Amino acid sequence: MALASEAPKEGFRLSMLIYDTRFRSITIQVVVLILFLLMVGWLLDNTIQNLAAKGKDINFGFLWVRAGYDIEQQLIPYTNDSTHGRAVIIGLLNTLLVAFIGCVLATVIGIFVGVLRLSHNWLISRLMTVYVEAFRNVPLLLWIILVFVVTSETQPAPNDFKVTQAMVDSWQTEDTSDDIYPAAQKMLFGTVALTNRGSYVATPMLDRPLGGTQIGSVPINYSVLATLAVIIGSVLANRALLRRAKAIQEDTGDRPTTWWQSLLILFAPTILLLVAMGFHLQLPAFAADENGVSKGFNFQGGILVQHSFTALTLALALYTGAFIAEIVRAGIMAISRGQSEAAFALGLRPGRTMNLIILPQALRVIIPPLISQYLNLTKNTSLGIAVSYLDLRGTLGGITLNQTGRELECMLLMMLIYLTISLLISALMNVYNNAVKLKER
């Protein structure tokens, strides 16, 4: 009786790298990688030779040379005697500030407009459509310039806020009908003054700060760190409270009332900490003599928010919010109408249906394109150069580049920084996307 035996194993031959499907893909990948490395090596060698022919080399030593220029908006201390490296850090922080505030505002605007576009009210839905189409179809640069012109040209001069001797004299008479007041008034209980030079806002001050230290040339404020720690702890505690309420609802069918507990957890610890540190506001105001007559030509105290920052942030938020609105609308429409009908049949109101049923399911459709919008907004902050906003593009890719003549080094650094920021945003949003996506059983 004959027994079947295994076929003899064939030995490896070089021709198998091309004709054998088990090795062909690996061969192609290795060849492509070698060609790519050769091309990169040729580009680098060609760049070095061309720079050497012009008497230049690749050197980043300029980052430690005195910058010699001023930056109006700065989140950490900086003077024109600081180095170009510190100017780069200032520009990077300004970029991150605009990107963060712009993403938050654009998300709020996008969700609000996206939901209202689906409203059954004809007027509201059409108004939201006009907003979306207007901002999506006009270049962003034009919106930045338009907002900058509106915010800077339509506001009063600081002198319009001054109290003159004639005003003081009119207030001292018994006839109030003859009272004279400044041509412009501060807003929000005297905490904000909008002028053609910028917006002056009240400065938060502490009577009993926790002190700080300095790591290298970067100051570390313990009061800010303590406040951030308390805020983060409050948010985590509130999430634990909501998880507990959700568990009770799933077990019993009744959801306990937690809104007052959430408000207490979110705000009470921070307020108590600020009160303990002696928090108060330093209002922007003119210096005055003993009679109350204003002196000087500008406000004393307060924080000056440049119109360039306001225009760039607002234009980015409104422009990106129009795209996010369409993403939100598409995500909501992707959910079956039966979900809403089932919620209405259970007695849920439209607002609760949207918050508890529709939006949580729509997130799996909304989040992926939302990441792209956040990346676009962050990279579009470089357009701030049009309104003289010194972000990363204005410092490293603008003044520093022109002063040092290190075009290649500045461009490489700027590309690397933007790439790093974009990858970090993508990674964080992908983590959130994995947390909210539907879990298959």
Protein backbone atom coordinates (compact mmCIF):
# COMPACT_ATOMS: atom_id res chain seq x y z
CA MET A 1 0.00 0.00 0.00
CA ALA A 2 1.50 3.31 -1.12
CA LEU A 3 1.64 6.17 1.40
CA ALA A 4 1.41 9.81 0.38
CA SER A 5 4.47 11.82 1.32
CA GLU A 6 5.09 15.57 1.43
CA ALA A 7 6.49 17.19 -1.69
CA PRO A 8 10.15 18.02 -1.38
CA LYS A 9 10.74 21.66 -0.40
CA GLU A 10 12.12 23.77 -3.20
CA GLY A 11 15.34 25.66 -2.48
CA PHE A 12 15.46 29.48 -2.57
CA ARG A 13 16.53 31.04 -5.86
CA LEU A 14 17.15 34.73 -6.67
CA SER A 15 14.53 34.62 -9.42
CA MET A 16 11.92 34.03 -6.72
CA LEU A 17 12.37 37.66 -5.60
CA ILE A 18 10.65 38.69 -8.84
CA TYR A 19 8.46 35.77 -9.91
CA ASP A 20 7.34 34.40 -6.55
CA THR A 21 4.35 36.31 -5.11
CA ARG A 22 5.58 35.57 -1.60
CA PHE A 23 8.68 37.75 -2.09
CA ARG A 24 7.71 40.13 -4.92
CA SER A 25 6.04 42.76 -2.70
CA ILE A 26 9.05 42.84 -0.36
CA THR A 27 11.38 43.27 -3.35
CA ILE A 28 9.37 46.16 -4.74
CA GLN A 29 9.29 47.90 -1.34
CA VAL A 30 13.05 47.53 -0.88
CA VAL A 31 13.74 48.90 -4.36
CA VAL A 32 11.43 51.87 -3.83
CA LEU A 33 13.03 52.60 -0.44
CA ILE A 34 16.53 52.53 -1.95
CA LEU A 35 15.47 54.85 -4.78
CA PHE A 36 13.84 57.23 -2.30
CA LEU A 37 16.95 57.33 -0.10
CA LEU A 38 19.14 57.93 -3.15
CA MET A 39 16.90 60.83 -4.22
CA VAL A 40 16.97 62.36 -0.72
CA GLY A 41 20.76 61.95 -0.59
CA TRP A 42 21.12 63.60 -4.00
CA LEU A 43 18.92 66.54 -2.93
CA LEU A 44 20.89 67.03 0.29
CA ASP A 45 24.25 66.84 -1.50
CA ASN A 46 23.07 69.22 -4.19
CA THR A 47 21.79 71.67 -1.55
CA ILE A 48 25.05 71.57 0.41
CA GLN A 49 27.10 72.11 -2.76
CA ASN A 50 24.97 75.05 -3.88
CA LEU A 51 25.20 76.65 -0.43
CA ALA A 52 28.97 76.15 -0.39
CA ALA A 53 29.23 77.80 -3.81
CA LYS A 54 27.54 80.87 -2.34
CA GLY A 55 29.69 80.80 0.78
CA LYS A 56 26.90 79.54 3.04
CA ASP A 57 26.43 76.53 5.26
CA ILE A 58 23.60 75.01 7.31
CA ASN A 59 23.95 76.58 10.74
CA PHE A 60 21.35 77.17 13.44
CA GLY A 61 23.60 79.32 15.60
CA PHE A 62 21.53 82.39 14.73
CA LEU A 63 18.92 81.22 17.26
CA TRP A 64 21.23 82.39 20.06
CA VAL A 65 21.92 85.81 18.53
CA ARG A 66 20.16 88.97 19.78
CA ALA A 67 16.86 89.44 17.95
CA GLY A 68 16.69 93.23 18.10
CA TYR A 69 12.96 93.60 17.37
CA ASP A 70 9.88 94.00 19.54
CA ILE A 71 6.81 91.75 19.71
CA GLU A 72 3.68 93.45 20.98
CA GLN A 73 1.80 90.34 22.13
CA GLN A 74 3.82 88.01 24.35
CA LEU A 75 2.74 85.31 26.78
CA ILE A 76 6.16 85.06 28.43
CA PRO A 77 8.66 87.88 29.06
CA TYR A 78 10.50 89.12 25.95
CA THR A 79 12.48 92.22 24.97
CA ASN A 80 14.37 93.21 21.85
CA ASP A 81 17.55 92.10 23.67
CA SER A 82 16.26 88.50 23.74
CA THR A 83 17.55 85.93 21.28
CA HIS A 84 15.98 84.82 18.02
CA GLY A 85 15.28 81.48 19.68
CA ARG A 86 13.14 83.17 22.32
CA ALA A 87 11.39 85.16 19.59
CA VAL A 88 10.55 81.84 17.94
CA ILE A 89 9.04 80.58 21.21
CA ILE A 90 6.96 83.77 21.51
CA GLY A 91 5.72 83.32 17.95
CA LEU A 92 4.93 79.65 18.58
CA LEU A 93 2.93 80.51 21.71
CA ASN A 94 1.02 83.17 19.78
CA THR A 95 0.23 80.59 17.08
CA LEU A 96 -0.97 78.05 19.64
CA LEU A 97 -3.10 80.67 21.40
CA VAL A 98 -4.92 81.63 18.20
CA ALA A 99 -5.27 77.97 17.18
CA PHE A 100 -6.73 76.92 20.54
CA ILE A 101 -9.21 79.79 20.88
CA GLY A 102 -10.11 79.54 17.19
CA CYS A 103 -10.81 75.78 17.41
CA VAL A 104 -13.03 76.24 20.47
CA LEU A 105 -15.01 79.10 18.92
CA ALA A 106 -15.27 77.37 15.54
CA THR A 107 -16.59 74.20 17.20
CA VAL A 108 -19.24 76.12 19.15
CA ILE A 109 -20.27 78.09 16.05
CA GLY A 110 -20.24 74.99 13.85
CA ILE A 111 -22.43 72.91 16.16
CA PHE A 112 -24.87 75.79 16.72
CA VAL A 113 -25.18 76.65 13.01
CA GLY A 114 -25.21 73.01 11.88
CA VAL A 115 -28.15 72.20 14.14
CA LEU A 116 -30.04 75.38 13.19
CA ARG A 117 -29.62 74.61 9.49
CA LEU A 118 -31.91 71.62 10.07
CA SER A 119 -34.49 73.76 11.85
CA HIS A 120 -38.07 73.65 10.59
CA ASN A 121 -38.16 77.44 10.92
CA TRP A 122 -37.70 78.65 7.34
CA LEU A 123 -36.15 82.03 8.28
CA ILE A 124 -33.60 80.60 10.73
CA SER A 125 -32.49 77.81 8.40
CA ARG A 126 -32.09 80.24 5.48
CA LEU A 127 -30.10 82.72 7.56
CA MET A 128 -27.73 79.93 8.59
CA THR A 129 -27.44 78.88 4.94
CA VAL A 130 -26.47 82.43 3.96
CA TYR A 131 -23.79 82.48 6.67
CA VAL A 132 -22.35 79.12 5.57
CA GLU A 133 -22.29 79.94 1.87
CA ALA A 134 -20.88 83.43 2.42
CA PHE A 135 -17.94 82.30 4.54
CA ARG A 136 -17.18 79.12 2.60
CA ASN A 137 -17.01 80.84 -0.79
CA VAL A 138 -14.93 83.91 0.09
CA PRO A 139 -11.16 83.50 0.64
CA LEU A 140 -10.10 83.46 4.26
CA LEU A 141 -7.51 86.20 3.74
CA LEU A 142 -10.23 88.64 2.69
CA TRP A 143 -12.24 87.88 5.84
CA ILE A 144 -9.16 88.48 8.02
CA ILE A 145 -8.51 91.87 6.40
CA LEU A 146 -12.20 92.82 6.55
CA VAL A 147 -12.53 91.99 10.26
CA PHE A 148 -9.28 93.84 10.98
CA VAL A 149 -10.50 96.97 9.17
CA VAL A 150 -13.87 96.86 10.94
CA THR A 151 -12.38 96.37 14.42
CA SER A 152 -9.70 99.04 14.00
CA GLU A 153 -11.47 101.75 11.99
CA THR A 154 -14.88 101.75 13.65
CA GLN A 155 -13.72 102.03 17.26
CA PRO A 156 -13.23 105.33 19.14
CA ALA A 157 -9.82 106.78 20.01
CA PRO A 158 -8.58 106.50 23.62
CA ASN A 159 -9.09 110.26 24.04
CA ASP A 160 -12.84 109.71 23.68
CA PHE A 161 -12.81 107.95 27.06
CA LYS A 162 -11.12 110.83 28.90
CA VAL A 163 -12.84 112.93 31.56
CA THR A 164 -12.21 116.65 31.01
CA GLN A 165 -12.48 119.59 33.38
CA ALA A 166 -15.67 120.72 31.63
CA MET A 167 -17.27 117.33 32.39
CA VAL A 168 -16.29 117.55 36.04
CA ASP A 169 -17.73 121.08 36.27
CA SER A 170 -21.02 119.95 34.71
CA TRP A 171 -21.35 117.13 37.25
CA GLN A 172 -20.97 119.58 40.13
CA THR A 173 -24.04 121.61 39.11
CA GLU A 174 -27.51 120.78 40.37
CA ASP A 175 -29.00 120.70 36.88
CA THR A 176 -28.31 117.16 35.62
CA SER A 177 -29.62 118.03 32.15
CA ASP A 178 -26.38 119.92 31.49
CA ASP A 179 -24.14 117.00 32.40
CA ILE A 180 -21.46 116.14 29.86
CA TYR A 181 -20.05 112.63 29.56
CA PRO A 182 -17.16 111.12 27.59
CA ALA A 183 -17.92 110.31 23.96
CA ALA A 184 -17.12 106.63 24.56
CA GLN A 185 -17.86 104.36 27.50
CA LYS A 186 -16.23 101.17 28.70
CA MET A 187 -18.20 97.93 28.53
CA LEU A 188 -19.01 95.06 30.89
CA PHE A 189 -18.95 97.08 34.12
CA GLY A 190 -15.86 99.01 33.09
CA THR A 191 -13.70 95.94 32.40
CA VAL A 192 -13.36 96.36 28.61
CA ALA A 193 -12.50 99.44 26.55
CA LEU A 194 -12.66 99.07 22.78
CA THR A 195 -10.41 101.58 21.01
CA ASN A 196 -8.85 101.99 17.58
CA ARG A 197 -5.49 101.01 19.13
CA GLY A 198 -6.77 97.73 20.53
CA SER A 199 -9.04 96.32 23.20
CA TYR A 200 -8.08 97.06 26.79
CA VAL A 201 -9.37 94.38 29.18
CA ALA A 202 -9.07 94.13 32.95
CA THR A 203 -5.97 92.40 34.28
CA PRO A 204 -6.50 89.54 36.79
CA MET A 205 -4.42 90.27 39.89
CA LEU A 206 -3.64 88.31 43.07
CA ASP A 207 -2.95 89.83 46.48
CA ARG A 208 -1.53 86.57 47.86
CA PRO A 209 0.08 84.70 44.95
CA LEU A 210 1.75 81.33 45.43
CA GLY A 211 5.04 82.47 43.92
CA GLY A 212 6.92 80.79 41.13
CA THR A 213 10.26 79.74 39.72
CA GLN A 214 12.12 79.78 36.44
CA ILE A 215 13.32 76.84 34.37
CA GLY A 216 15.95 78.10 31.99
CA SER A 217 14.43 81.29 30.62
CA VAL A 218 10.82 80.15 31.00
CA PRO A 219 8.97 81.46 34.10
CA ILE A 220 6.76 79.01 36.00
CA ASN A 221 3.86 80.55 37.94
CA TYR A 222 2.62 78.35 40.78
CA SER A 223 -0.67 80.27 41.01
CA VAL A 224 -1.50 79.45 37.39
CA LEU A 225 -0.49 75.82 37.84
CA ALA A 226 -2.60 75.50 40.98
CA THR A 227 -5.62 77.01 39.23
CA LEU A 228 -5.22 74.68 36.25
CA ALA A 229 -4.86 71.69 38.57
CA VAL A 230 -8.06 72.61 40.42
CA ILE A 231 -9.96 73.11 37.14
CA ILE A 232 -8.79 69.75 35.78
CA GLY A 233 -9.67 68.04 39.07
CA SER A 234 -13.14 69.62 39.01
CA VAL A 235 -13.75 68.41 35.47
CA LEU A 236 -12.67 64.87 36.35
CA ALA A 237 -14.85 64.88 39.47
CA ASN A 238 -17.83 66.09 37.44
CA ARG A 239 -17.28 63.31 34.90
CA ALA A 240 -17.28 60.79 37.75
CA LEU A 241 -20.57 62.28 38.99
CA LEU A 242 -22.14 62.00 35.53
CA ARG A 243 -20.96 58.40 35.16
CA ARG A 244 -22.55 57.56 38.50
CA ALA A 245 -25.81 59.23 37.44
CA LYS A 246 -25.77 57.30 34.17
CA ALA A 247 -25.22 54.01 36.01
CA ILE A 248 -28.17 54.74 38.31
CA GLN A 249 -30.31 55.56 35.30
CA GLU A 250 -29.40 52.28 33.59
CA ASP A 251 -30.19 50.31 36.75
CA THR A 252 -33.39 52.01 37.85
CA GLY A 253 -34.61 53.92 34.79
CA ASP A 254 -34.60 57.22 36.75
CA ARG A 255 -31.80 59.74 36.26
CA PRO A 256 -30.98 61.68 39.45
CA THR A 257 -30.84 65.48 39.31
CA THR A 258 -27.19 66.48 39.05
CA TRP A 259 -27.16 69.94 37.50
CA TRP A 260 -26.65 71.79 40.79
CA GLN A 261 -24.01 69.31 41.90
CA SER A 262 -22.18 69.73 38.59
CA LEU A 263 -22.22 73.52 38.93
CA LEU A 264 -20.92 73.24 42.50
CA ILE A 265 -18.14 70.82 41.55
CA LEU A 266 -17.07 72.77 38.46
CA PHE A 267 -16.99 76.29 39.91
CA ALA A 268 -16.84 76.22 43.72
CA PRO A 269 -13.24 74.86 44.11
CA THR A 270 -11.82 77.35 41.59
CA ILE A 271 -13.71 80.28 43.14
CA LEU A 272 -12.55 79.34 46.64
CA LEU A 273 -8.94 79.08 45.46
CA LEU A 274 -9.09 82.48 43.74
CA VAL A 275 -10.66 84.08 46.82
CA ALA A 276 -7.94 82.56 49.01
CA MET A 277 -5.26 84.06 46.72
CA GLY A 278 -6.95 87.49 46.81
CA PHE A 279 -8.18 87.61 43.23
CA HIS A 280 -9.29 91.00 41.87
CA LEU A 281 -9.37 92.87 38.57
CA GLN A 282 -7.21 95.83 37.66
CA LEU A 283 -9.46 97.94 35.44
CA PRO A 284 -8.09 99.89 32.48
CA ALA A 285 -8.35 103.60 33.28
CA PHE A 286 -6.65 106.93 32.67
CA ALA A 287 -4.51 108.47 35.36
CA ALA A 288 -6.43 111.29 37.04
CA ASP A 289 -5.68 114.29 39.23
CA GLU A 290 -7.35 115.11 42.53
CA ASN A 291 -10.42 116.47 40.72
CA GLY A 292 -10.91 113.34 38.64
CA VAL A 293 -9.70 114.89 35.37
CA SER A 294 -7.99 112.36 33.12
CA LYS A 295 -4.29 112.78 32.34
CA GLY A 296 -2.06 111.19 29.74
CA PHE A 297 -2.77 109.87 26.29
CA ASN A 298 -3.51 106.21 26.97
CA PHE A 299 -5.03 103.82 29.46
CA GLN A 300 -3.07 102.74 32.51
CA GLY A 301 -3.45 99.14 33.64
CA GLY A 302 -5.31 96.39 31.88
CA ILE A 303 -4.18 94.10 29.07
CA LEU A 304 -3.98 95.42 25.53
CA VAL A 305 -5.40 92.89 23.06
CA GLN A 306 -4.19 93.79 19.59
CA HIS A 307 -6.72 94.15 16.78
CA SER A 308 -4.56 91.81 14.70
CA PHE A 309 -5.12 89.02 17.24
CA THR A 310 -8.86 89.73 17.45
CA ALA A 311 -9.27 89.87 13.67
CA LEU A 312 -7.27 86.72 13.01
CA THR A 313 -8.99 84.67 15.72
CA LEU A 314 -12.50 85.84 14.85
CA ALA A 315 -12.05 85.39 11.09
CA LEU A 316 -10.57 81.91 11.53
CA ALA A 317 -13.40 80.88 13.87
CA LEU A 318 -16.16 82.17 11.58
CA TYR A 319 -14.56 80.73 8.44
CA THR A 320 -13.82 77.30 9.89
CA GLY A 321 -17.15 77.28 11.75
CA ALA A 322 -18.95 77.37 8.38
CA PHE A 323 -17.21 74.15 7.32
CA ILE A 324 -17.80 72.51 10.70
CA ALA A 325 -21.49 73.42 10.42
CA GLU A 326 -21.75 71.40 7.22
CA ILE A 327 -19.90 68.51 8.86
CA VAL A 328 -22.32 68.58 11.81
CA ARG A 329 -25.33 68.77 9.49
CA ALA A 330 -24.08 65.81 7.46
CA GLY A 331 -23.42 63.81 10.63
CA ILE A 332 -26.92 64.45 11.95
CA MET A 333 -28.55 63.59 8.62
CA ALA A 334 -26.57 60.34 8.56
CA ILE A 335 -28.58 59.11 11.57
CA SER A 336 -31.77 57.27 10.71
CA ARG A 337 -34.98 59.23 11.19
CA GLY A 338 -36.29 56.25 13.12
CA GLN A 339 -33.98 57.19 16.00
CA SER A 340 -35.75 60.53 16.44
CA GLU A 341 -39.20 58.99 16.02
CA ALA A 342 -38.43 56.37 18.67
CA ALA A 343 -37.23 59.08 21.06
CA PHE A 344 -40.37 61.15 20.46
CA ALA A 345 -42.50 58.07 21.05
CA LEU A 346 -40.85 57.69 24.46
CA GLY A 347 -41.77 61.27 25.31
CA LEU A 348 -38.38 62.94 24.87
CA ARG A 349 -38.41 66.56 23.79
CA PRO A 350 -36.55 67.62 20.61
CA GLY A 351 -33.70 69.24 22.55
CA ARG A 352 -33.13 66.18 24.74
CA THR A 353 -33.41 63.94 21.68
CA MET A 354 -30.68 65.90 19.91
CA ASN A 355 -28.35 65.90 22.97
CA LEU A 356 -28.89 62.32 24.14
CA ILE A 357 -29.72 60.37 20.98
CA ILE A 358 -28.67 62.08 17.75
CA LEU A 359 -25.40 63.91 18.47
CA PRO A 360 -23.70 61.01 20.34
CA GLN A 361 -24.33 58.74 17.34
CA ALA A 362 -23.38 61.45 14.84
CA LEU A 363 -19.95 61.90 16.44
CA ARG A 364 -18.59 58.85 14.63
CA VAL A 365 -19.32 60.66 11.36
CA ILE A 366 -18.35 64.15 12.57
CA ILE A 367 -14.99 63.55 14.27
CA PRO A 368 -12.82 62.37 11.29
CA PRO A 369 -13.49 65.41 9.05
CA LEU A 370 -13.44 67.66 12.13
CA ILE A 371 -9.78 66.72 12.64
CA SER A 372 -8.98 68.06 9.16
CA GLN A 373 -10.70 71.37 9.98
CA TYR A 374 -8.67 71.75 13.17
CA LEU A 375 -5.49 71.12 11.20
CA ASN A 376 -6.52 73.64 8.54
CA LEU A 377 -7.29 76.28 11.16
CA THR A 378 -3.92 75.77 12.86
CA LYS A 379 -2.01 76.09 9.60
CA ASN A 380 -4.12 79.05 8.46
CA THR A 381 -2.88 81.05 11.45
CA SER A 382 0.13 81.82 9.24
CA LEU A 383 -2.14 84.26 7.36
CA GLY A 384 -1.86 86.56 10.37
CA ILE A 385 1.15 88.12 8.64
CA ALA A 386 -1.40 90.04 6.53
CA VAL A 387 -2.51 92.03 9.60
CA SER A 388 0.96 92.17 11.24
CA TYR A 389 0.25 89.47 13.81
CA LEU A 390 3.62 88.09 14.91
CA ASP A 391 3.03 84.39 15.22
CA LEU A 392 5.46 81.67 14.15
CA ARG A 393 5.23 82.80 10.52
CA GLY A 394 5.78 86.44 11.45
CA THR A 395 8.77 85.83 13.73
CA LEU A 396 10.71 82.81 12.46
CA GLY A 397 9.48 83.00 8.88
CA GLY A 398 9.43 86.78 8.72
CA ILE A 399 11.65 89.13 10.72
CA THR A 400 14.18 86.52 11.88
CA LEU A 401 14.53 85.15 8.34
CA ASN A 402 15.08 88.63 6.88
CA GLN A 403 17.57 89.71 9.56
CA THR A 404 19.71 86.57 9.55
CA GLY A 405 19.46 85.56 5.89
CA ARG A 406 19.06 81.93 6.97
CA GLU A 407 16.19 81.09 4.62
CA LEU A 408 16.74 77.34 4.51
CA GLU A 409 17.15 76.92 8.26
CA CYS A 410 14.09 79.07 9.05
CA MET A 411 11.92 77.23 6.54
CA LEU A 412 13.04 73.82 7.80
CA LEU A 413 12.38 74.78 11.41
CA MET A 414 8.98 76.22 10.55
CA MET A 415 7.98 73.13 8.57
CA LEU A 416 9.11 70.86 11.40
CA ILE A 417 7.17 72.85 14.02
CA TYR A 418 3.95 72.93 11.98
CA LEU A 419 4.33 69.21 11.24
CA THR A 420 4.77 68.44 14.95
CA ILE A 421 1.73 70.50 15.92
CA SER A 422 -0.41 68.85 13.25
CA LEU A 423 0.66 65.34 14.30
CA LEU A 424 -0.10 66.11 17.96
CA ILE A 425 -3.57 67.43 17.08
CA SER A 426 -4.25 64.36 14.94
CA ALA A 427 -3.08 62.01 17.68
CA LEU A 428 -5.22 63.66 20.38
CA MET A 429 -8.30 63.77 18.17
CA ASN A 430 -7.81 60.15 17.11
CA VAL A 431 -7.73 59.14 20.77
CA TYR A 432 -11.03 60.96 21.27
CA ASN A 433 -12.42 59.41 18.09
CA ASN A 434 -11.62 55.92 19.37
CA ALA A 435 -13.33 56.76 22.66
CA VAL A 436 -16.62 57.85 21.08
CA LYS A 437 -16.90 55.48 18.14
CA LEU A 438 -19.42 52.66 18.22
CA LYS A 439 -18.13 49.52 19.92
CA GLU A 440 -19.07 46.30 18.18
CA ARG A 441 -20.05 43.33 20.33
